[in-house]
Amino acid sequence: GGTVKVSASEFKPASQLKFVPAVILQATISKKDFYANDTAWDVKITEAPTSKYNYPLAQARLDTVGWDLKAAFNSAASTTYYGQTADMPQDTSKSLEWYAEFGFKNGKGNCYVMAAMFCEMARLLGYDAHLISGRVPLMAGGYGPHSWTEVNIDGTVYVCDPDFAQETQRNGYMITYGQSGTWQYVKDVVMD
């Protein structure tokens, strides 16, 4: 839900035109339409999107990195890895908000922190995003705890895994379950 106020100017035609009108438009449109559709206009967000969520630290990060889903993902994936310690659980004992706040305030965290940070930013951008707690295969065998974010766009569920991107140096953005070259994700709990 929510809206985005945009300013658009400088129409970019697909073919060469001899005359292009200099038009400036300001409009308020739904976030779903803004993020789901390509446009032939240079579009600049002039006000932060409205949201039913209140995540001030995520909003501050988006103000810094830009109100863009890929920029949000890259920001979460650049968080310094901080493994499972007494103050850093890897399970559902803490909330989405707890994990995200830890990451935004400390600049470090594990897969739960990175996924929670991205999830909050994605929600502020208007996406249907959920923090997942599950398992992935371990090099030593068996499965270990892991967290990622699911983003649902028009009925298609995408996995966004900042920790996978950081750890493997491969694409963890907008992948699908079972996609070649990714981990075998076992989804246990939708945390939020």
C-alpha atoms as a PDB file:
ATOM      1  CA  GLY A   1       0.000   0.000   0.000  1.00  0.00           C
ATOM      2  CA  GLY A   2       0.859   3.661   0.006  1.00  0.00           C
ATOM      3  CA  THR A   3       1.833   6.205  -2.589  1.00  0.00           C
ATOM      4  CA  VAL A   4       4.919   7.815  -4.086  1.00  0.00           C
ATOM      5  CA  LYS A   5       5.178  11.446  -5.192  1.00  0.00           C
ATOM      6  CA  VAL A   6       7.311  11.658  -8.340  1.00  0.00           C
ATOM      7  CA  SER A   7       8.562  14.325 -10.680  1.00  0.00           C
ATOM      8  CA  ALA A   8       9.149  13.276 -14.264  1.00  0.00           C
ATOM      9  CA  SER A   9      10.814  15.200 -17.052  1.00  0.00           C
ATOM     10  CA  GLU A  10      12.840  14.733 -20.200  1.00  0.00           C
ATOM     11  CA  PHE A  11      10.857  12.169 -22.182  1.00  0.00           C
ATOM     12  CA  LYS A  12      13.116   9.552 -23.787  1.00  0.00           C
ATOM     13  CA  PRO A  13      11.608   8.452 -27.104  1.00  0.00           C
ATOM     14  CA  ALA A  14      12.415   5.034 -28.537  1.00  0.00           C
ATOM     15  CA  SER A  15      13.246   6.595 -31.924  1.00  0.00           C
ATOM     16  CA  GLN A  16      15.040   9.795 -32.850  1.00  0.00           C
ATOM     17  CA  LEU A  17      12.632  12.702 -32.944  1.00  0.00           C
ATOM     18  CA  LYS A  18      13.420  16.170 -34.243  1.00  0.00           C
ATOM     19  CA  PHE A  19      11.433  17.838 -31.476  1.00  0.00           C
ATOM     20  CA  VAL A  20      10.958  16.646 -27.926  1.00  0.00           C
ATOM     21  CA  PRO A  21       8.759  18.754 -25.683  1.00  0.00           C
ATOM     22  CA  ALA A  22      10.225  19.771 -22.340  1.00  0.00           C
ATOM     23  CA  VAL A  23       7.507  18.559 -20.045  1.00  0.00           C
ATOM     24  CA  ILE A  24       7.607  18.414 -16.290  1.00  0.00           C
ATOM     25  CA  LEU A  25       4.978  16.429 -14.484  1.00  0.00           C
ATOM     26  CA  GLN A  26       4.402  15.903 -10.811  1.00  0.00           C
ATOM     27  CA  ALA A  27       2.008  13.196  -9.729  1.00  0.00           C
ATOM     28  CA  THR A  28       1.177  10.919  -6.830  1.00  0.00           C
ATOM     29  CA  ILE A  29       0.847   7.291  -7.906  1.00  0.00           C
ATOM     30  CA  SER A  30       0.465   3.970  -6.120  1.00  0.00           C
ATOM     31  CA  LYS A  31       3.704   2.317  -5.045  1.00  0.00           C
ATOM     32  CA  LYS A  32       2.679  -0.885  -6.819  1.00  0.00           C
ATOM     33  CA  ASP A  33       2.353   0.953 -10.144  1.00  0.00           C
ATOM     34  CA  PHE A  34       5.542   2.941  -9.591  1.00  0.00           C
ATOM     35  CA  TYR A  35       7.757  -0.044  -8.766  1.00  0.00           C
ATOM     36  CA  ALA A  36       6.101  -2.578 -11.073  1.00  0.00           C
ATOM     37  CA  ASN A  37       6.124  -0.640 -14.350  1.00  0.00           C
ATOM     38  CA  ASP A  38       8.890   0.691 -16.527  1.00  0.00           C
ATOM     39  CA  THR A  39       8.468   4.210 -17.760  1.00  0.00           C
ATOM     40  CA  ALA A  40       9.845   6.239 -20.639  1.00  0.00           C
ATOM     41  CA  TRP A  41      10.428   9.168 -18.284  1.00  0.00           C
ATOM     42  CA  ASP A  42      13.376  10.025 -16.097  1.00  0.00           C
ATOM     43  CA  VAL A  43      11.664   9.663 -12.745  1.00  0.00           C
ATOM     44  CA  LYS A  44      12.907  11.047  -9.444  1.00  0.00           C
ATOM     45  CA  ILE A  45      11.177  10.372  -6.150  1.00  0.00           C
ATOM     46  CA  THR A  46      10.581  13.767  -4.559  1.00  0.00           C
ATOM     47  CA  GLU A  47       9.136  12.478  -1.284  1.00  0.00           C
ATOM     48  CA  ALA A  48       9.656   9.207   0.570  1.00  0.00           C
ATOM     49  CA  PRO A  49       6.938   6.655  -0.236  1.00  0.00           C
ATOM     50  CA  THR A  50       4.166   6.362   2.317  1.00  0.00           C
ATOM     51  CA  SER A  51       4.006   3.076   4.179  1.00  0.00           C
ATOM     52  CA  LYS A  52       1.989   1.353   6.868  1.00  0.00           C
ATOM     53  CA  TYR A  53       5.314   0.327   8.427  1.00  0.00           C
ATOM     54  CA  ASN A  54       7.325   2.475  10.818  1.00  0.00           C
ATOM     55  CA  TYR A  55      10.995   1.572  10.460  1.00  0.00           C
ATOM     56  CA  PRO A  56      12.963   4.790  11.100  1.00  0.00           C
ATOM     57  CA  LEU A  57      16.389   3.151  10.846  1.00  0.00           C
ATOM     58  CA  ALA A  58      15.485   1.482   7.550  1.00  0.00           C
ATOM     59  CA  GLN A  59      14.104   4.791   6.289  1.00  0.00           C
ATOM     60  CA  ALA A  60      17.337   6.564   7.240  1.00  0.00           C
ATOM     61  CA  ARG A  61      19.348   3.915   5.365  1.00  0.00           C
ATOM     62  CA  LEU A  62      17.160   4.317   2.257  1.00  0.00           C
ATOM     63  CA  ASP A  63      17.633   8.083   2.489  1.00  0.00           C
ATOM     64  CA  THR A  64      21.382   7.388   2.308  1.00  0.00           C
ATOM     65  CA  VAL A  65      21.569   4.627  -0.335  1.00  0.00           C
ATOM     66  CA  GLY A  66      18.558   5.660  -2.431  1.00  0.00           C
ATOM     67  CA  TRP A  67      14.954   4.514  -2.532  1.00  0.00           C
ATOM     68  CA  ASP A  68      15.657   1.524  -4.757  1.00  0.00           C
ATOM     69  CA  LEU A  69      15.228  -2.193  -4.054  1.00  0.00           C
ATOM     70  CA  LYS A  70      18.596  -3.253  -5.500  1.00  0.00           C
ATOM     71  CA  ALA A  71      20.385  -0.477  -3.584  1.00  0.00           C
ATOM     72  CA  ALA A  72      18.650  -1.675  -0.398  1.00  0.00           C
ATOM     73  CA  PHE A  73      19.768  -5.253  -1.109  1.00  0.00           C
ATOM     74  CA  ASN A  74      23.371  -4.191  -1.746  1.00  0.00           C
ATOM     75  CA  SER A  75      23.368  -2.175   1.465  1.00  0.00           C
ATOM     76  CA  ALA A  76      22.172  -5.159   3.523  1.00  0.00           C
ATOM     77  CA  ALA A  77      24.672  -7.463   1.771  1.00  0.00           C
ATOM     78  CA  SER A  78      27.540  -5.113   2.661  1.00  0.00           C
ATOM     79  CA  THR A  79      26.906  -5.553   6.406  1.00  0.00           C
ATOM     80  CA  THR A  80      29.968  -6.919   8.210  1.00  0.00           C
ATOM     81  CA  TYR A  81      29.414 -10.600   8.995  1.00  0.00           C
ATOM     82  CA  TYR A  82      29.105 -11.333  12.715  1.00  0.00           C
ATOM     83  CA  GLY A  83      28.338 -14.986  13.412  1.00  0.00           C
ATOM     84  CA  GLN A  84      26.393 -16.797  16.084  1.00  0.00           C
ATOM     85  CA  THR A  85      27.533 -15.578  19.494  1.00  0.00           C
ATOM     86  CA  ALA A  86      25.810 -15.106  22.847  1.00  0.00           C
ATOM     87  CA  ASP A  87      24.476 -11.721  21.715  1.00  0.00           C
ATOM     88  CA  MET A  88      23.728 -12.813  18.138  1.00  0.00           C
ATOM     89  CA  PRO A  89      21.247 -15.687  17.851  1.00  0.00           C
ATOM     90  CA  GLN A  90      20.426 -17.503  14.611  1.00  0.00           C
ATOM     91  CA  ASP A  91      16.831 -18.472  15.201  1.00  0.00           C
ATOM     92  CA  THR A  92      13.305 -17.198  15.739  1.00  0.00           C
ATOM     93  CA  SER A  93      13.938 -16.157  19.366  1.00  0.00           C
ATOM     94  CA  LYS A  94      14.209 -12.511  18.240  1.00  0.00           C
ATOM     95  CA  SER A  95      11.898 -10.503  15.988  1.00  0.00           C
ATOM     96  CA  LEU A  96      12.371  -8.986  12.551  1.00  0.00           C
ATOM     97  CA  GLU A  97      12.605  -5.573  14.201  1.00  0.00           C
ATOM     98  CA  TRP A  98      15.244  -6.752  16.710  1.00  0.00           C
ATOM     99  CA  TYR A  99      17.504  -8.236  14.029  1.00  0.00           C
ATOM    100  CA  ALA A 100      17.150  -5.213  11.726  1.00  0.00           C
ATOM    101  CA  GLU A 101      17.757  -2.703  14.511  1.00  0.00           C
ATOM    102  CA  PHE A 102      20.884  -4.587  15.579  1.00  0.00           C
ATOM    103  CA  GLY A 103      22.243  -4.403  12.039  1.00  0.00           C
ATOM    104  CA  PHE A 104      21.377  -0.762  11.388  1.00  0.00           C
ATOM    105  CA  LYS A 105      22.834   0.345  14.734  1.00  0.00           C
ATOM    106  CA  ASN A 106      25.955  -1.845  14.801  1.00  0.00           C
ATOM    107  CA  GLY A 107      26.812  -2.277  11.105  1.00  0.00           C
ATOM    108  CA  LYS A 108      27.304  -5.996  11.610  1.00  0.00           C
ATOM    109  CA  GLY A 109      25.251  -9.150  11.871  1.00  0.00           C
ATOM    110  CA  ASN A 110      24.534 -12.608  10.570  1.00  0.00           C
ATOM    111  CA  CYS A 111      22.125 -13.839   7.895  1.00  0.00           C
ATOM    112  CA  TYR A 112      19.111 -13.030  10.117  1.00  0.00           C
ATOM    113  CA  VAL A 113      20.307  -9.446  10.522  1.00  0.00           C
ATOM    114  CA  MET A 114      21.049  -8.915   6.818  1.00  0.00           C
ATOM    115  CA  ALA A 115      17.723 -10.418   5.743  1.00  0.00           C
ATOM    116  CA  ALA A 116      15.777  -8.393   8.344  1.00  0.00           C
ATOM    117  CA  MET A 117      17.457  -5.142   7.284  1.00  0.00           C
ATOM    118  CA  PHE A 118      16.577  -5.828   3.651  1.00  0.00           C
ATOM    119  CA  CYS A 119      13.033  -6.909   4.547  1.00  0.00           C
ATOM    120  CA  GLU A 120      12.310  -3.645   6.360  1.00  0.00           C
ATOM    121  CA  MET A 121      13.688  -1.563   3.495  1.00  0.00           C
ATOM    122  CA  ALA A 122      11.736  -3.593   0.915  1.00  0.00           C
ATOM    123  CA  ARG A 123       8.520  -3.048   2.861  1.00  0.00           C
ATOM    124  CA  LEU A 124       9.132   0.691   3.024  1.00  0.00           C
ATOM    125  CA  LEU A 125       9.541   0.590  -0.757  1.00  0.00           C
ATOM    126  CA  GLY A 126       6.092  -0.975  -1.023  1.00  0.00           C
ATOM    127  CA  TYR A 127       7.021  -4.594  -1.614  1.00  0.00           C
ATOM    128  CA  ASP A 128       5.259  -7.599  -0.088  1.00  0.00           C
ATOM    129  CA  ALA A 129       8.328  -8.847   1.810  1.00  0.00           C
ATOM    130  CA  HIS A 130       8.668 -11.451   4.572  1.00  0.00           C
ATOM    131  CA  LEU A 131      11.538 -12.603   6.761  1.00  0.00           C
ATOM    132  CA  ILE A 132      12.061 -16.371   6.511  1.00  0.00           C
ATOM    133  CA  SER A 133      13.775 -18.671   8.989  1.00  0.00           C
ATOM    134  CA  GLY A 134      14.930 -21.961   7.571  1.00  0.00           C
ATOM    135  CA  ARG A 135      17.923 -24.110   6.763  1.00  0.00           C
ATOM    136  CA  VAL A 136      20.534 -24.563   4.049  1.00  0.00           C
ATOM    137  CA  PRO A 137      23.011 -27.422   3.424  1.00  0.00           C
ATOM    138  CA  LEU A 138      26.370 -27.183   5.193  1.00  0.00           C
ATOM    139  CA  MET A 139      29.714 -28.018   3.571  1.00  0.00           C
ATOM    140  CA  ALA A 140      30.356 -30.490   6.430  1.00  0.00           C
ATOM    141  CA  GLY A 141      27.006 -32.171   5.782  1.00  0.00           C
ATOM    142  CA  GLY A 142      23.563 -31.770   7.248  1.00  0.00           C
ATOM    143  CA  TYR A 143      21.714 -28.474   7.419  1.00  0.00           C
ATOM    144  CA  GLY A 144      22.346 -25.271   9.352  1.00  0.00           C
ATOM    145  CA  PRO A 145      20.054 -22.391  10.346  1.00  0.00           C
ATOM    146  CA  HIS A 146      19.650 -19.598   7.817  1.00  0.00           C
ATOM    147  CA  SER A 147      17.455 -16.587   7.111  1.00  0.00           C
ATOM    148  CA  TRP A 148      16.499 -14.777   3.901  1.00  0.00           C
ATOM    149  CA  THR A 149      13.752 -12.515   2.629  1.00  0.00           C
ATOM    150  CA  GLU A 150      10.929 -13.527   0.319  1.00  0.00           C
ATOM    151  CA  VAL A 151       9.539 -10.844  -1.987  1.00  0.00           C
ATOM    152  CA  ASN A 152       6.217 -11.570  -3.682  1.00  0.00           C
ATOM    153  CA  ILE A 153       5.675  -9.673  -6.939  1.00  0.00           C
ATOM    154  CA  ASP A 154       2.462 -10.384  -8.836  1.00  0.00           C
ATOM    155  CA  GLY A 155       2.240 -13.898  -7.382  1.00  0.00           C
ATOM    156  CA  THR A 156       5.865 -14.850  -8.040  1.00  0.00           C
ATOM    157  CA  VAL A 157       7.948 -15.453  -4.924  1.00  0.00           C
ATOM    158  CA  TYR A 158      11.583 -14.375  -5.117  1.00  0.00           C
ATOM    159  CA  VAL A 159      14.354 -15.177  -2.659  1.00  0.00           C
ATOM    160  CA  CYS A 160      16.546 -12.222  -1.721  1.00  0.00           C
ATOM    161  CA  ASP A 161      19.504 -13.443   0.315  1.00  0.00           C
ATOM    162  CA  PRO A 162      22.082 -10.765   1.180  1.00  0.00           C
ATOM    163  CA  ASP A 163      24.198 -13.266   3.143  1.00  0.00           C
ATOM    164  CA  PHE A 164      24.361 -15.656   0.160  1.00  0.00           C
ATOM    165  CA  ALA A 165      25.563 -12.763  -2.031  1.00  0.00           C
ATOM    166  CA  GLN A 166      28.201 -11.754   0.516  1.00  0.00           C
ATOM    167  CA  GLU A 167      29.395 -15.263   1.331  1.00  0.00           C
ATOM    168  CA  THR A 168      29.557 -16.665  -2.210  1.00  0.00           C
ATOM    169  CA  GLN A 169      30.090 -13.478  -4.257  1.00  0.00           C
ATOM    170  CA  ARG A 170      27.206 -14.697  -6.456  1.00  0.00           C
ATOM    171  CA  ASN A 171      23.806 -13.212  -7.148  1.00  0.00           C
ATOM    172  CA  GLY A 172      21.433 -13.530  -4.212  1.00  0.00           C
ATOM    173  CA  TYR A 173      18.995 -10.884  -5.478  1.00  0.00           C
ATOM    174  CA  MET A 174      15.595 -11.878  -6.875  1.00  0.00           C
ATOM    175  CA  ILE A 175      16.435 -15.555  -7.302  1.00  0.00           C
ATOM    176  CA  THR A 176      13.897 -18.378  -7.163  1.00  0.00           C
ATOM    177  CA  TYR A 177      13.698 -21.506  -5.057  1.00  0.00           C
ATOM    178  CA  GLY A 178      15.642 -24.317  -6.717  1.00  0.00           C
ATOM    179  CA  GLN A 179      17.484 -21.964  -9.076  1.00  0.00           C
ATOM    180  CA  SER A 180      20.777 -23.422 -10.301  1.00  0.00           C
ATOM    181  CA  GLY A 181      23.860 -22.027  -8.575  1.00  0.00           C
ATOM    182  CA  THR A 182      22.061 -21.134  -5.347  1.00  0.00           C
ATOM    183  CA  TRP A 183      21.553 -22.892  -2.061  1.00  0.00           C
ATOM    184  CA  GLN A 184      18.868 -25.511  -1.411  1.00  0.00           C
ATOM    185  CA  TYR A 185      16.604 -23.430   0.818  1.00  0.00           C
ATOM    186  CA  VAL A 186      14.398 -25.258   3.314  1.00  0.00           C
ATOM    187  CA  LYS A 187      11.741 -22.850   4.540  1.00  0.00           C
ATOM    188  CA  ASP A 188      10.629 -23.513   8.125  1.00  0.00           C
ATOM    189  CA  VAL A 189       8.956 -20.333   9.446  1.00  0.00           C
ATOM    190  CA  VAL A 190       7.687 -17.031   8.067  1.00  0.00           C
ATOM    191  CA  MET A 191       8.864 -14.803  10.919  1.00  0.00           C
ATOM    192  CA  ASP A 192       6.901 -11.707   9.931  1.00  0.00           C
END
